[in-house]
Amino acid sequence: MEKTLAQYDKALAKCKDIFLKKTQDYGTAWRILRPKSLTDQLYIKACRIRGIEENEVQKINESVDVEYIGLVNYSIMAIIQLTLPASEGLELTVERAETLYDQYSDATRELMKAKNHDYGEAWRDMRISSLTDLILMKLLRVKQIEDNDGKTIISEGLDANYQDIINYSLFALIKLEEQNN
């Protein structure tokens, strides 16, 4: 588990660094997006990853790492949008955005530790393409929950699905890093 935590933290740090640099460049313009729009952005990124995995030719010379990082960051943005009141305003300071990022990424890390304990690091035996498929399935679930106005009868809510997407994406980044070494 210590190896996983170190790899997870390294991958998350890379995602956070990009999030903070983009926040410095663009501010928090993403705050204008409704949760459904963030879900659609996540869906586009996951579909691109799957397309690259299935196609023999890739026309945009950009690695899937960038898309998995986007999945992590957009999922955290989506959780922020679900929890932050509109009265907070669109523009957050970099410091406030970082505090929120840390709050939700820390909670997601704790979830990963609990699930990883119970599942015995089964993700290490999975294919990256299976992680991609699980992300797409979670996104389809999110879309259905959104279409049901956020109501579920027995299922986890939106935030739990976003957290799973974050963790699956970080696992994919870890596996890609291992493949490259």
Protein backbone atom coordinates (compact mmCIF):
# COMPACT_ATOMS: atom_id res chain seq x y z
CA MET A 1 0.00 0.00 0.00
CA GLU A 2 2.91 2.39 0.68
CA LYS A 3 4.03 2.09 -2.94
CA THR A 4 0.51 2.84 -4.12
CA LEU A 5 0.22 5.88 -1.86
CA ALA A 6 3.54 7.27 -3.11
CA GLN A 7 2.57 6.71 -6.76
CA TYR A 8 -0.93 8.08 -6.18
CA ASP A 9 0.42 11.20 -4.48
CA LYS A 10 2.93 11.77 -7.30
CA ALA A 11 0.22 11.48 -9.98
CA LEU A 12 -2.16 13.70 -8.01
CA ALA A 13 0.57 16.31 -7.49
CA LYS A 14 1.04 16.49 -11.27
CA CYS A 15 -2.71 16.99 -11.73
CA LYS A 16 -2.84 19.67 -9.04
CA ASP A 17 0.15 21.51 -10.52
CA ILE A 18 -1.64 21.74 -13.87
CA PHE A 19 -4.89 22.79 -12.17
CA LEU A 20 -3.14 25.61 -10.29
CA LYS A 21 -1.21 26.83 -13.34
CA LYS A 22 -4.40 26.91 -15.40
CA THR A 23 -6.16 28.71 -12.55
CA GLN A 24 -3.41 31.34 -12.64
CA ASP A 25 -3.76 31.64 -16.43
CA TYR A 26 -7.56 31.54 -16.74
CA GLY A 27 -8.93 32.17 -13.28
CA THR A 28 -11.89 29.99 -12.39
CA ALA A 29 -13.81 30.52 -15.62
CA TRP A 30 -14.95 26.88 -15.29
CA ARG A 31 -17.27 28.05 -12.50
CA ILE A 32 -19.68 29.24 -15.22
CA LEU A 33 -20.23 25.60 -16.21
CA ARG A 34 -23.22 23.76 -14.86
CA PRO A 35 -22.53 20.29 -13.47
CA LYS A 36 -24.08 18.69 -16.57
CA SER A 37 -21.63 20.58 -18.77
CA LEU A 38 -18.71 19.34 -16.68
CA THR A 39 -20.05 15.80 -17.03
CA ASP A 40 -20.16 16.23 -20.80
CA GLN A 41 -16.57 17.54 -20.79
CA LEU A 42 -15.51 14.47 -18.81
CA TYR A 43 -17.38 12.24 -21.25
CA ILE A 44 -15.58 13.80 -24.22
CA LYS A 45 -12.20 13.19 -22.60
CA ALA A 46 -13.02 9.57 -21.72
CA CYS A 47 -14.32 8.93 -25.24
CA ARG A 48 -11.07 10.32 -26.69
CA ILE A 49 -9.06 7.95 -24.51
CA ARG A 50 -11.16 5.00 -25.62
CA GLY A 51 -10.86 6.08 -29.24
CA ILE A 52 -7.07 6.21 -28.96
CA GLU A 53 -7.08 2.77 -27.31
CA GLU A 54 -9.17 1.29 -30.13
CA ASN A 55 -7.87 3.13 -33.21
CA GLU A 56 -4.67 2.23 -34.98
CA VAL A 57 -4.02 5.83 -36.04
CA GLN A 58 -3.95 8.83 -33.72
CA LYS A 59 -4.31 12.16 -35.55
CA ILE A 60 -3.64 14.48 -32.60
CA ASN A 61 -0.18 13.85 -31.21
CA GLU A 62 -1.07 14.22 -27.54
CA SER A 63 -0.76 11.41 -25.03
CA VAL A 64 -3.68 9.96 -23.10
CA ASP A 65 -1.92 11.09 -19.91
CA VAL A 66 -3.22 14.59 -20.61
CA GLU A 67 -6.78 13.29 -20.85
CA TYR A 68 -6.54 11.30 -17.61
CA ILE A 69 -5.18 14.43 -15.88
CA GLY A 70 -8.16 16.31 -17.32
CA LEU A 71 -10.51 13.66 -15.93
CA VAL A 72 -9.04 14.13 -12.47
CA ASN A 73 -9.21 17.91 -12.59
CA TYR A 74 -12.64 18.22 -14.18
CA SER A 75 -14.02 15.70 -11.68
CA ILE A 76 -12.71 17.80 -8.80
CA MET A 77 -14.22 20.89 -10.46
CA ALA A 78 -17.54 19.05 -10.71
CA ILE A 79 -17.48 18.17 -7.00
CA ILE A 80 -16.69 21.80 -6.21
CA GLN A 81 -19.61 22.94 -8.36
CA LEU A 82 -21.95 20.51 -6.59
CA THR A 83 -20.98 21.76 -3.14
CA LEU A 84 -20.09 25.43 -3.52
CA PRO A 85 -23.05 27.80 -3.25
CA ALA A 86 -23.68 30.15 -6.15
CA SER A 87 -23.29 33.02 -3.69
CA GLU A 88 -19.56 32.27 -3.61
CA GLY A 89 -19.36 33.86 -7.06
CA LEU A 90 -17.67 32.77 -10.24
CA GLU A 91 -14.17 33.97 -9.57
CA LEU A 92 -12.26 32.25 -6.81
CA THR A 93 -8.78 33.24 -5.74
CA VAL A 94 -6.02 30.79 -6.54
CA GLU A 95 -5.70 30.16 -2.81
CA ARG A 96 -9.42 29.39 -2.41
CA ALA A 97 -9.39 27.13 -5.48
CA GLU A 98 -6.36 25.30 -4.09
CA THR A 99 -8.02 24.86 -0.68
CA LEU A 100 -11.11 23.36 -2.32
CA TYR A 101 -8.97 21.17 -4.59
CA ASP A 102 -7.09 19.86 -1.57
CA GLN A 103 -10.28 19.29 0.42
CA TYR A 104 -11.88 17.13 -2.26
CA SER A 105 -8.72 15.38 -3.41
CA ASP A 106 -7.89 14.50 0.21
CA ALA A 107 -11.37 13.03 0.72
CA THR A 108 -10.99 11.07 -2.52
CA ARG A 109 -7.58 9.78 -1.43
CA GLU A 110 -9.11 8.53 1.83
CA LEU A 111 -11.82 6.76 -0.16
CA MET A 112 -9.14 5.14 -2.33
CA LYS A 113 -7.27 3.91 0.73
CA ALA A 114 -10.41 2.30 2.17
CA LYS A 115 -11.45 0.68 -1.10
CA ASN A 116 -7.90 -0.38 -1.93
CA HIS A 117 -7.70 -2.10 1.46
CA ASP A 118 -10.97 -3.97 0.88
CA TYR A 119 -10.27 -4.87 -2.76
CA GLY A 120 -6.62 -5.81 -2.20
CA GLU A 121 -5.20 -3.57 -4.92
CA ALA A 122 -7.10 -5.47 -7.62
CA TRP A 123 -6.67 -2.47 -9.93
CA ARG A 124 -3.01 -3.42 -10.39
CA ASP A 125 -4.13 -6.54 -12.29
CA MET A 126 -6.53 -4.61 -14.50
CA ARG A 127 -5.88 -3.36 -18.00
CA ILE A 128 -5.82 0.39 -18.54
CA SER A 129 -8.59 -0.07 -21.11
CA SER A 130 -10.78 -1.58 -18.37
CA LEU A 131 -10.19 1.50 -16.22
CA THR A 132 -11.27 3.61 -19.19
CA ASP A 133 -14.43 1.54 -19.56
CA LEU A 134 -15.21 1.88 -15.85
CA ILE A 135 -14.81 5.65 -16.15
CA LEU A 136 -17.21 5.72 -19.09
CA MET A 137 -19.70 3.58 -17.16
CA LYS A 138 -19.49 5.95 -14.18
CA LEU A 139 -20.09 8.89 -16.51
CA LEU A 140 -23.17 7.24 -17.99
CA ARG A 141 -24.41 6.70 -14.44
CA VAL A 142 -23.75 10.35 -13.61
CA LYS A 143 -25.68 11.44 -16.71
CA GLN A 144 -28.61 9.26 -15.66
CA ILE A 145 -28.57 10.65 -12.11
CA GLU A 146 -28.44 14.18 -13.53
CA ASP A 147 -31.38 13.37 -15.81
CA ASN A 148 -33.23 12.21 -12.67
CA ASP A 149 -32.56 15.61 -11.04
CA GLY A 150 -29.94 14.10 -8.75
CA LYS A 151 -32.33 11.64 -7.16
CA THR A 152 -31.36 8.02 -6.58
CA ILE A 153 -33.27 5.21 -4.93
CA ILE A 154 -30.37 3.04 -3.76
CA SER A 155 -27.31 4.19 -5.65
CA GLU A 156 -24.42 6.43 -4.66
CA GLY A 157 -24.73 10.08 -5.53
CA LEU A 158 -22.89 12.22 -8.01
CA ASP A 159 -19.94 13.02 -5.77
CA ALA A 160 -19.15 9.33 -5.16
CA ASN A 161 -19.14 8.66 -8.90
CA TYR A 162 -16.83 11.61 -9.52
CA GLN A 163 -14.52 10.31 -6.78
CA ASP A 164 -14.39 6.91 -8.47
CA ILE A 165 -13.52 8.61 -11.77
CA ILE A 166 -10.70 10.47 -10.04
CA ASN A 167 -9.32 7.26 -8.54
CA TYR A 168 -9.62 5.22 -11.74
CA SER A 169 -7.88 8.04 -13.64
CA LEU A 170 -5.05 8.20 -11.11
CA PHE A 171 -4.68 4.41 -11.29
CA ALA A 172 -4.43 4.70 -15.09
CA LEU A 173 -1.76 7.41 -14.74
CA ILE A 174 0.19 5.15 -12.36
CA LYS A 175 -0.05 2.21 -14.76
CA LEU A 176 1.03 4.40 -17.71
CA GLU A 177 4.00 5.64 -15.71
CA GLU A 178 4.97 2.05 -14.90
CA GLN A 179 4.70 1.09 -18.58
CA ASN A 180 6.97 3.97 -19.56
CA ASN A 181 9.66 2.96 -17.06
